[in-house]
Amino acid sequence: MSAFHAELGRIARHLFGSERADHTLQPTALVNELWLRVMRDGGVEVRSEVEFRAWAANAMRNILVDHARAKRAQKRGGLASRVVLVDVPGRPGIDILGLHEALNRLETHHERSARVVEMRFFGGLTQAETAERLGVTERTVRADWKMARAWLHRLLLDATPI
């Protein structure tokens, strides 16, 4: 468990790498909330580390979305928390609620591509780990990642390629 905890901390720090220092949710709090959910749900039944990390990617996404919704509610319609895509440092942040909604829309058109984004962005899984979890080839993951990025770019950023 301590190895998983350390890995989740690394992923969370990476997600928050370009956020401002006074962000209201910190990487440690994200990991702690994840573990609280594991404990609340009576544990998580997984068969491999990759499967656990895929589960964690989904859970981190949900925690970030819940946090952004709470902040938006506090500000009465203010801007949601912003997160920068993992492999595009220096780009403007993406509204986490907008990303969540866009992923939900993508999921209705191409579920596997949405899972690829979730695992790679929120879970920090590599192409190989994502392919293993989804039961597809790395080439398929690369194609899904490329398609999903273009689709999300068109939907979310329109003027700034990701």
N, C-alpha and C. Protein backbone atom coordinates (compact mmCIF):
# COMPACT_ATOMS: atom_id res chain seq x y z
N MET A 1 0.81 -1.20 0.00
CA MET A 1 0.00 0.00 0.00
C MET A 1 0.85 1.26 0.00
N SER A 2 1.99 1.22 0.70
CA SER A 2 2.83 2.43 0.74
C SER A 2 3.40 2.74 -0.65
N ALA A 3 3.68 1.70 -1.44
CA ALA A 3 4.16 1.94 -2.81
C ALA A 3 3.07 2.60 -3.64
N PHE A 4 1.83 2.15 -3.50
CA PHE A 4 0.70 2.77 -4.21
C PHE A 4 0.54 4.21 -3.75
N HIS A 5 0.65 4.43 -2.44
CA HIS A 5 0.49 5.78 -1.89
C HIS A 5 1.54 6.72 -2.48
N ALA A 6 2.76 6.26 -2.55
CA ALA A 6 3.84 7.08 -3.12
C ALA A 6 3.59 7.37 -4.59
N GLU A 7 3.14 6.38 -5.34
CA GLU A 7 2.86 6.56 -6.77
C GLU A 7 1.70 7.53 -6.96
N LEU A 8 0.66 7.41 -6.15
CA LEU A 8 -0.48 8.33 -6.25
C LEU A 8 -0.05 9.75 -5.90
N GLY A 9 0.84 9.88 -4.94
CA GLY A 9 1.37 11.20 -4.60
C GLY A 9 2.13 11.81 -5.76
N ARG A 10 2.90 10.99 -6.47
CA ARG A 10 3.64 11.48 -7.64
C ARG A 10 2.67 11.96 -8.72
N ILE A 11 1.63 11.17 -8.97
CA ILE A 11 0.64 11.53 -9.99
C ILE A 11 -0.06 12.84 -9.59
N ALA A 12 -0.46 12.95 -8.33
CA ALA A 12 -1.15 14.15 -7.85
C ALA A 12 -0.25 15.38 -7.96
N ARG A 13 1.03 15.25 -7.58
CA ARG A 13 1.95 16.37 -7.70
C ARG A 13 2.10 16.79 -9.15
N HIS A 14 2.12 15.81 -10.05
CA HIS A 14 2.23 16.12 -11.48
C HIS A 14 0.99 16.86 -11.97
N LEU A 15 -0.19 16.43 -11.52
CA LEU A 15 -1.43 17.11 -11.90
C LEU A 15 -1.43 18.57 -11.46
N PHE A 16 -0.86 18.84 -10.28
CA PHE A 16 -0.86 20.18 -9.71
C PHE A 16 0.43 20.94 -10.00
N GLY A 17 1.31 20.37 -10.81
CA GLY A 17 2.62 20.96 -11.07
C GLY A 17 2.60 22.40 -11.53
N SER A 18 1.61 22.77 -12.31
CA SER A 18 1.58 24.13 -12.84
C SER A 18 0.52 25.00 -12.17
N GLU A 19 -0.06 24.50 -11.10
CA GLU A 19 -1.07 25.28 -10.39
C GLU A 19 -0.39 26.30 -9.47
N ARG A 20 -1.14 27.30 -9.10
CA ARG A 20 -0.60 28.31 -8.18
C ARG A 20 -0.39 27.67 -6.79
N ALA A 21 0.52 28.21 -6.03
CA ALA A 21 0.88 27.63 -4.73
C ALA A 21 -0.27 27.66 -3.73
N ASP A 22 -1.16 28.64 -3.86
CA ASP A 22 -2.25 28.76 -2.88
C ASP A 22 -3.53 28.07 -3.35
N HIS A 23 -3.42 27.14 -4.29
CA HIS A 23 -4.61 26.40 -4.75
C HIS A 23 -5.28 25.77 -3.55
N THR A 24 -6.60 25.76 -3.54
CA THR A 24 -7.33 25.29 -2.35
C THR A 24 -7.29 23.78 -2.17
N LEU A 25 -6.92 23.04 -3.18
CA LEU A 25 -6.75 21.59 -3.05
C LEU A 25 -5.31 21.26 -3.39
N GLN A 26 -4.63 20.62 -2.48
CA GLN A 26 -3.22 20.28 -2.66
C GLN A 26 -3.09 18.79 -3.01
N PRO A 27 -1.95 18.40 -3.62
CA PRO A 27 -1.75 16.99 -3.99
C PRO A 27 -1.96 16.02 -2.83
N THR A 28 -1.44 16.36 -1.66
CA THR A 28 -1.59 15.48 -0.50
C THR A 28 -3.06 15.31 -0.14
N ALA A 29 -3.82 16.39 -0.20
CA ALA A 29 -5.25 16.31 0.10
C ALA A 29 -5.98 15.44 -0.92
N LEU A 30 -5.57 15.53 -2.18
CA LEU A 30 -6.17 14.70 -3.23
C LEU A 30 -5.93 13.22 -2.95
N VAL A 31 -4.70 12.87 -2.61
CA VAL A 31 -4.37 11.48 -2.30
C VAL A 31 -5.09 11.02 -1.04
N ASN A 32 -5.13 11.88 -0.03
CA ASN A 32 -5.83 11.52 1.20
C ASN A 32 -7.32 11.29 0.95
N GLU A 33 -7.93 12.14 0.14
CA GLU A 33 -9.35 11.97 -0.19
C GLU A 33 -9.55 10.66 -0.94
N LEU A 34 -8.62 10.33 -1.81
CA LEU A 34 -8.70 9.05 -2.54
C LEU A 34 -8.69 7.88 -1.56
N TRP A 35 -7.77 7.91 -0.59
CA TRP A 35 -7.70 6.83 0.39
C TRP A 35 -8.94 6.79 1.27
N LEU A 36 -9.49 7.95 1.60
CA LEU A 36 -10.74 7.96 2.37
C LEU A 36 -11.86 7.28 1.60
N ARG A 37 -11.90 7.50 0.29
CA ARG A 37 -12.92 6.85 -0.52
C ARG A 37 -12.71 5.34 -0.57
N VAL A 38 -11.44 4.92 -0.62
CA VAL A 38 -11.14 3.49 -0.59
C VAL A 38 -11.66 2.89 0.71
N MET A 39 -11.37 3.55 1.81
CA MET A 39 -11.79 3.05 3.12
C MET A 39 -13.31 3.08 3.26
N ARG A 40 -13.93 4.16 2.80
CA ARG A 40 -15.39 4.30 2.89
C ARG A 40 -16.10 3.20 2.10
N ASP A 41 -15.53 2.86 0.95
CA ASP A 41 -16.13 1.85 0.09
C ASP A 41 -15.76 0.43 0.50
N GLY A 42 -14.99 0.28 1.58
CA GLY A 42 -14.60 -1.04 2.06
C GLY A 42 -13.48 -1.65 1.25
N GLY A 43 -12.66 -0.82 0.64
CA GLY A 43 -11.55 -1.31 -0.17
C GLY A 43 -11.90 -1.32 -1.64
N VAL A 44 -10.92 -1.68 -2.43
CA VAL A 44 -11.09 -1.77 -3.88
C VAL A 44 -10.57 -3.12 -4.30
N GLU A 45 -11.35 -3.84 -5.06
CA GLU A 45 -10.94 -5.16 -5.53
C GLU A 45 -10.33 -5.03 -6.93
N VAL A 46 -9.01 -5.20 -6.99
CA VAL A 46 -8.29 -5.11 -8.26
C VAL A 46 -7.35 -6.30 -8.38
N ARG A 47 -7.00 -6.62 -9.61
CA ARG A 47 -6.12 -7.77 -9.86
C ARG A 47 -4.67 -7.39 -10.16
N SER A 48 -4.43 -6.10 -10.37
CA SER A 48 -3.07 -5.69 -10.70
C SER A 48 -2.86 -4.23 -10.32
N GLU A 49 -1.61 -3.82 -10.33
CA GLU A 49 -1.28 -2.42 -10.06
C GLU A 49 -1.88 -1.52 -11.14
N VAL A 50 -1.83 -1.96 -12.38
CA VAL A 50 -2.38 -1.17 -13.48
C VAL A 50 -3.88 -0.98 -13.29
N GLU A 51 -4.57 -2.03 -12.89
CA GLU A 51 -6.01 -1.92 -12.65
C GLU A 51 -6.30 -0.96 -11.50
N PHE A 52 -5.47 -0.99 -10.45
CA PHE A 52 -5.65 -0.06 -9.34
C PHE A 52 -5.43 1.37 -9.81
N ARG A 53 -4.39 1.60 -10.61
CA ARG A 53 -4.10 2.95 -11.09
C ARG A 53 -5.19 3.44 -12.02
N ALA A 54 -5.80 2.55 -12.78
CA ALA A 54 -6.93 2.94 -13.63
C ALA A 54 -8.11 3.36 -12.76
N TRP A 55 -8.36 2.59 -11.70
CA TRP A 55 -9.41 2.95 -10.75
C TRP A 55 -9.10 4.30 -10.11
N ALA A 56 -7.84 4.49 -9.72
CA ALA A 56 -7.43 5.74 -9.07
C ALA A 56 -7.59 6.92 -10.02
N ALA A 57 -7.34 6.73 -11.31
CA ALA A 57 -7.51 7.80 -12.29
C ALA A 57 -8.95 8.28 -12.29
N ASN A 58 -9.88 7.33 -12.29
CA ASN A 58 -11.29 7.67 -12.27
C ASN A 58 -11.66 8.37 -10.97
N ALA A 59 -11.15 7.87 -9.85
CA ALA A 59 -11.45 8.45 -8.55
C ALA A 59 -10.87 9.86 -8.44
N MET A 60 -9.63 10.08 -8.92
CA MET A 60 -9.03 11.42 -8.88
C MET A 60 -9.84 12.39 -9.73
N ARG A 61 -10.27 11.93 -10.89
CA ARG A 61 -11.11 12.77 -11.75
C ARG A 61 -12.36 13.20 -10.98
N ASN A 62 -13.02 12.25 -10.34
CA ASN A 62 -14.24 12.56 -9.61
C ASN A 62 -13.99 13.51 -8.43
N ILE A 63 -12.88 13.32 -7.74
CA ILE A 63 -12.54 14.20 -6.61
C ILE A 63 -12.30 15.62 -7.11
N LEU A 64 -11.53 15.75 -8.20
CA LEU A 64 -11.26 17.08 -8.75
C LEU A 64 -12.54 17.75 -9.24
N VAL A 65 -13.41 16.99 -9.86
CA VAL A 65 -14.68 17.55 -10.33
C VAL A 65 -15.54 17.98 -9.14
N ASP A 66 -15.62 17.14 -8.11
CA ASP A 66 -16.38 17.50 -6.91
C ASP A 66 -15.84 18.78 -6.28
N HIS A 67 -14.51 18.88 -6.22
CA HIS A 67 -13.89 20.07 -5.64
C HIS A 67 -14.20 21.31 -6.48
N ALA A 68 -14.09 21.18 -7.80
CA ALA A 68 -14.38 22.32 -8.68
C ALA A 68 -15.84 22.74 -8.56
N ARG A 69 -16.74 21.78 -8.47
CA ARG A 69 -18.16 22.11 -8.30
C ARG A 69 -18.40 22.84 -6.99
N ALA A 70 -17.74 22.39 -5.93
CA ALA A 70 -17.90 23.04 -4.63
C ALA A 70 -17.37 24.47 -4.67
N LYS A 71 -16.22 24.67 -5.31
CA LYS A 71 -15.65 26.01 -5.43
C LYS A 71 -16.57 26.91 -6.26
N ARG A 72 -17.11 26.37 -7.34
CA ARG A 72 -18.02 27.14 -8.18
C ARG A 72 -19.26 27.53 -7.38
N ALA A 73 -19.77 26.61 -6.59
CA ALA A 73 -20.95 26.90 -5.78
C ALA A 73 -20.65 27.98 -4.75
N GLN A 74 -19.45 27.93 -4.16
CA GLN A 74 -19.05 28.95 -3.18
C GLN A 74 -18.97 30.33 -3.82
N LYS A 75 -18.50 30.36 -5.05
CA LYS A 75 -18.32 31.64 -5.74
C LYS A 75 -19.59 32.07 -6.47
N ARG A 76 -20.64 31.25 -6.36
CA ARG A 76 -21.92 31.55 -7.02
C ARG A 76 -21.74 31.83 -8.50
N GLY A 77 -21.23 30.80 -9.17
CA GLY A 77 -21.06 30.93 -10.61
C GLY A 77 -19.68 31.37 -11.04
N GLY A 78 -18.74 31.44 -10.09
CA GLY A 78 -17.39 31.84 -10.45
C GLY A 78 -16.68 30.78 -11.27
N LEU A 79 -15.47 31.06 -11.66
CA LEU A 79 -14.70 30.13 -12.47
C LEU A 79 -14.33 28.89 -11.68
N ALA A 80 -14.31 27.76 -12.34
CA ALA A 80 -13.93 26.50 -11.71
C ALA A 80 -12.41 26.42 -11.60
N SER A 81 -11.93 25.45 -10.82
CA SER A 81 -10.50 25.21 -10.71
C SER A 81 -9.94 24.87 -12.08
N ARG A 82 -8.69 25.24 -12.31
CA ARG A 82 -8.07 25.00 -13.61
C ARG A 82 -6.96 23.96 -13.45
N VAL A 83 -6.78 23.12 -14.45
CA VAL A 83 -5.74 22.10 -14.46
C VAL A 83 -5.10 22.12 -15.83
N VAL A 84 -3.79 21.94 -15.91
CA VAL A 84 -3.09 21.92 -17.18
C VAL A 84 -2.88 20.48 -17.61
N LEU A 85 -3.13 20.18 -18.90
CA LEU A 85 -2.90 18.82 -19.40
C LEU A 85 -1.46 18.41 -19.13
N VAL A 86 -1.27 17.17 -18.77
CA VAL A 86 0.01 16.65 -18.32
C VAL A 86 1.15 16.90 -19.31
N ASP A 87 0.92 16.63 -20.59
CA ASP A 87 2.05 16.67 -21.53
C ASP A 87 2.13 17.97 -22.30
N VAL A 88 1.53 19.03 -21.82
CA VAL A 88 1.65 20.32 -22.47
C VAL A 88 1.96 21.42 -21.46
N PRO A 89 3.13 21.35 -20.82
CA PRO A 89 3.46 22.40 -19.87
C PRO A 89 3.51 23.76 -20.55
N GLY A 90 3.12 24.78 -19.81
CA GLY A 90 3.17 26.13 -20.34
C GLY A 90 1.90 26.57 -21.05
N ARG A 91 0.98 25.67 -21.29
CA ARG A 91 -0.30 26.02 -21.94
C ARG A 91 -1.26 26.55 -20.87
N PRO A 92 -2.24 27.34 -21.29
CA PRO A 92 -3.23 27.80 -20.31
C PRO A 92 -3.99 26.63 -19.71
N GLY A 93 -4.51 26.82 -18.50
CA GLY A 93 -5.25 25.76 -17.82
C GLY A 93 -6.56 25.45 -18.51
N ILE A 94 -7.07 24.28 -18.21
CA ILE A 94 -8.35 23.85 -18.73
C ILE A 94 -9.31 23.73 -17.57
N ASP A 95 -10.47 24.28 -17.72
CA ASP A 95 -11.51 24.21 -16.70
C ASP A 95 -11.84 22.74 -16.45
N ILE A 96 -11.61 22.27 -15.21
CA ILE A 96 -11.79 20.85 -14.90
C ILE A 96 -13.23 20.41 -15.13
N LEU A 97 -14.19 21.28 -14.85
CA LEU A 97 -15.58 20.92 -15.11
C LEU A 97 -15.84 20.83 -16.60
N GLY A 98 -15.25 21.73 -17.36
CA GLY A 98 -15.37 21.67 -18.81
C GLY A 98 -14.76 20.40 -19.36
N LEU A 99 -13.59 20.03 -18.84
CA LEU A 99 -12.94 18.80 -19.26
C LEU A 99 -13.80 17.58 -18.91
N HIS A 100 -14.35 17.58 -17.71
CA HIS A 100 -15.21 16.48 -17.27
C HIS A 100 -16.42 16.34 -18.21
N GLU A 101 -17.06 17.46 -18.51
CA GLU A 101 -18.23 17.43 -19.40
C GLU A 101 -17.83 16.99 -20.80
N ALA A 102 -16.68 17.47 -21.28
CA ALA A 102 -16.20 17.08 -22.61
C ALA A 102 -15.88 15.59 -22.65
N LEU A 103 -15.26 15.07 -21.58
CA LEU A 103 -14.98 13.63 -21.53
C LEU A 103 -16.27 12.82 -21.52
N ASN A 104 -17.28 13.32 -20.81
CA ASN A 104 -18.57 12.63 -20.83
C ASN A 104 -19.16 12.61 -22.23
N ARG A 105 -19.02 13.71 -22.96
CA ARG A 105 -19.52 13.76 -24.35
C ARG A 105 -18.71 12.83 -25.24
N LEU A 106 -17.38 12.84 -25.06
CA LEU A 106 -16.53 11.95 -25.84
C LEU A 106 -16.90 10.50 -25.58
N GLU A 107 -17.20 10.20 -24.32
CA GLU A 107 -17.55 8.83 -23.93
C GLU A 107 -18.77 8.32 -24.70
N THR A 108 -19.71 9.20 -25.00
CA THR A 108 -20.90 8.76 -25.75
C THR A 108 -20.55 8.42 -27.19
N HIS A 109 -19.47 9.01 -27.72
CA HIS A 109 -19.06 8.75 -29.09
C HIS A 109 -17.98 7.67 -29.18
N HIS A 110 -17.06 7.70 -28.23
CA HIS A 110 -15.95 6.74 -28.27
C HIS A 110 -15.45 6.50 -26.84
N GLU A 111 -16.09 5.54 -26.18
CA GLU A 111 -15.82 5.28 -24.76
C GLU A 111 -14.36 4.97 -24.49
N ARG A 112 -13.74 4.15 -25.33
CA ARG A 112 -12.36 3.76 -25.08
C ARG A 112 -11.42 4.97 -25.10
N SER A 113 -11.63 5.90 -26.01
CA SER A 113 -10.79 7.10 -26.06
C SER A 113 -10.94 7.93 -24.79
N ALA A 114 -12.15 8.01 -24.27
CA ALA A 114 -12.37 8.73 -23.01
C ALA A 114 -11.62 8.04 -21.87
N ARG A 115 -11.62 6.70 -21.85
CA ARG A 115 -10.88 5.96 -20.81
C ARG A 115 -9.38 6.21 -20.96
N VAL A 116 -8.90 6.28 -22.21
CA VAL A 116 -7.48 6.54 -22.44
C VAL A 116 -7.10 7.89 -21.84
N VAL A 117 -7.89 8.92 -22.10
CA VAL A 117 -7.61 10.25 -21.54
C VAL A 117 -7.64 10.19 -20.02
N GLU A 118 -8.64 9.56 -19.47
CA GLU A 118 -8.76 9.46 -18.02
C GLU A 118 -7.54 8.78 -17.41
N MET A 119 -7.13 7.66 -17.98
CA MET A 119 -6.00 6.91 -17.43
C MET A 119 -4.68 7.66 -17.61
N ARG A 120 -4.49 8.29 -18.77
CA ARG A 120 -3.23 8.97 -19.03
C ARG A 120 -3.16 10.29 -18.28
N PHE A 121 -4.23 11.08 -18.32
CA PHE A 121 -4.21 12.41 -17.71
C PHE A 121 -4.39 12.35 -16.20
N PHE A 122 -5.45 11.72 -15.74
CA PHE A 122 -5.75 11.70 -14.32
C PHE A 122 -4.96 10.63 -13.57
N GLY A 123 -4.64 9.53 -14.23
CA GLY A 123 -3.97 8.42 -13.55
C GLY A 123 -2.48 8.33 -13.80
N GLY A 124 -1.98 9.06 -14.79
CA GLY A 124 -0.56 9.03 -15.08
C GLY A 124 -0.07 7.72 -15.64
N LEU A 125 -0.96 6.89 -16.17
CA LEU A 125 -0.55 5.61 -16.75
C LEU A 125 0.19 5.86 -18.06
N THR A 126 1.14 5.01 -18.33
CA THR A 126 1.87 5.08 -19.60
C THR A 126 1.00 4.49 -20.71
N GLN A 127 1.46 4.62 -21.95
CA GLN A 127 0.74 4.00 -23.06
C GLN A 127 0.66 2.49 -22.87
N ALA A 128 1.77 1.89 -22.45
CA ALA A 128 1.79 0.44 -22.26
C ALA A 128 0.82 0.01 -21.15
N GLU A 129 0.81 0.73 -20.03
CA GLU A 129 -0.09 0.39 -18.93
C GLU A 129 -1.55 0.58 -19.34
N THR A 130 -1.81 1.64 -20.08
CA THR A 130 -3.18 1.89 -20.55
C THR A 130 -3.61 0.78 -21.49
N ALA A 131 -2.72 0.40 -22.40
CA ALA A 131 -3.04 -0.68 -23.34
C ALA A 131 -3.32 -1.99 -22.60
N GLU A 132 -2.50 -2.28 -21.59
CA GLU A 132 -2.70 -3.50 -20.80
C GLU A 132 -4.06 -3.48 -20.12
N ARG A 133 -4.40 -2.37 -19.50
CA ARG A 133 -5.67 -2.26 -18.77
C ARG A 133 -6.87 -2.37 -19.71
N LEU A 134 -6.76 -1.78 -20.90
CA LEU A 134 -7.88 -1.79 -21.84
C LEU A 134 -7.90 -3.04 -22.73
N GLY A 135 -6.82 -3.81 -22.69
CA GLY A 135 -6.76 -5.01 -23.51
C GLY A 135 -6.61 -4.71 -25.00
N VAL A 136 -5.87 -3.65 -25.31
CA VAL A 136 -5.62 -3.26 -26.70
C VAL A 136 -4.12 -3.08 -26.89
N THR A 137 -3.71 -2.79 -28.11
CA THR A 137 -2.29 -2.56 -28.38
C THR A 137 -1.91 -1.13 -28.04
N GLU A 138 -0.61 -0.91 -27.89
CA GLU A 138 -0.12 0.45 -27.65
C GLU A 138 -0.43 1.35 -28.85
N ARG A 139 -0.39 0.78 -30.02
CA ARG A 139 -0.71 1.55 -31.22
C ARG A 139 -2.15 2.06 -31.16
N THR A 140 -3.06 1.23 -30.67
CA THR A 140 -4.46 1.64 -30.51
C THR A 140 -4.57 2.76 -29.49
N VAL A 141 -3.82 2.64 -28.39
CA VAL A 141 -3.84 3.69 -27.36
C VAL A 141 -3.32 4.99 -27.94
N ARG A 142 -2.22 4.95 -28.71
CA ARG A 142 -1.69 6.16 -29.34
C ARG A 142 -2.72 6.80 -30.25
N ALA A 143 -3.40 5.98 -31.05
CA ALA A 143 -4.42 6.50 -31.96
C ALA A 143 -5.60 7.11 -31.19
N ASP A 144 -6.04 6.41 -30.13
CA ASP A 144 -7.14 6.93 -29.31
C ASP A 144 -6.74 8.24 -28.63
N TRP A 145 -5.51 8.30 -28.12
CA TRP A 145 -5.01 9.50 -27.45
C TRP A 145 -4.97 10.67 -28.42
N LYS A 146 -4.46 10.41 -29.62
CA LYS A 146 -4.37 11.46 -30.64
C LYS A 146 -5.76 11.96 -31.03
N MET A 147 -6.68 11.05 -31.26
CA MET A 147 -8.04 11.41 -31.63
C MET A 147 -8.73 12.17 -30.51
N ALA A 148 -8.59 11.69 -29.27
CA ALA A 148 -9.24 12.32 -28.13
C ALA A 148 -8.69 13.72 -27.90
N ARG A 149 -7.39 13.89 -28.02
CA ARG A 149 -6.79 15.22 -27.84
C ARG A 149 -7.32 16.20 -28.88
N ALA A 150 -7.41 15.76 -30.12
CA ALA A 150 -7.94 16.64 -31.18
C ALA A 150 -9.40 16.97 -30.91
N TRP A 151 -10.16 15.97 -30.50
CA TRP A 151 -11.58 16.17 -30.23
C TRP A 151 -11.78 17.13 -29.06
N LEU A 152 -11.01 16.91 -27.99
CA LEU A 152 -11.11 17.78 -26.81
C LEU A 152 -10.62 19.19 -27.13
N HIS A 153 -9.57 19.27 -27.91
CA HIS A 153 -9.05 20.58 -28.34
C HIS A 153 -10.13 21.37 -29.06
N ARG A 154 -10.77 20.71 -30.00
CA ARG A 154 -11.82 21.38 -30.76
C ARG A 154 -12.96 21.83 -29.85
N LEU A 155 -13.29 21.00 -28.90
CA LEU A 155 -14.41 21.29 -28.03
C LEU A 155 -14.06 22.33 -26.95
N LEU A 156 -12.87 22.25 -26.38
CA LEU A 156 -12.51 23.08 -25.23
C LEU A 156 -11.71 24.34 -25.55
N LEU A 157 -10.73 24.19 -26.39
CA LEU A 157 -9.76 25.28 -26.54
C LEU A 157 -9.84 26.00 -27.87
N ASP A 158 -10.29 25.38 -28.86
CA ASP A 158 -10.46 25.88 -30.21
C ASP A 158 -9.31 26.72 -30.75
N ALA A 159 -8.68 27.56 -29.96
CA ALA A 159 -7.62 28.41 -30.49
C ALA A 159 -6.22 27.97 -30.05
N THR A 160 -6.11 27.10 -29.07
CA THR A 160 -4.80 26.70 -28.56
C THR A 160 -4.66 25.20 -28.67
N PRO A 161 -3.82 24.69 -29.60
CA PRO A 161 -3.68 23.24 -29.76
C PRO A 161 -3.08 22.59 -28.52
N ILE A 162 -3.55 21.36 -28.23
CA ILE A 162 -2.98 20.63 -27.11
C ILE A 162 -2.17 19.46 -27.60
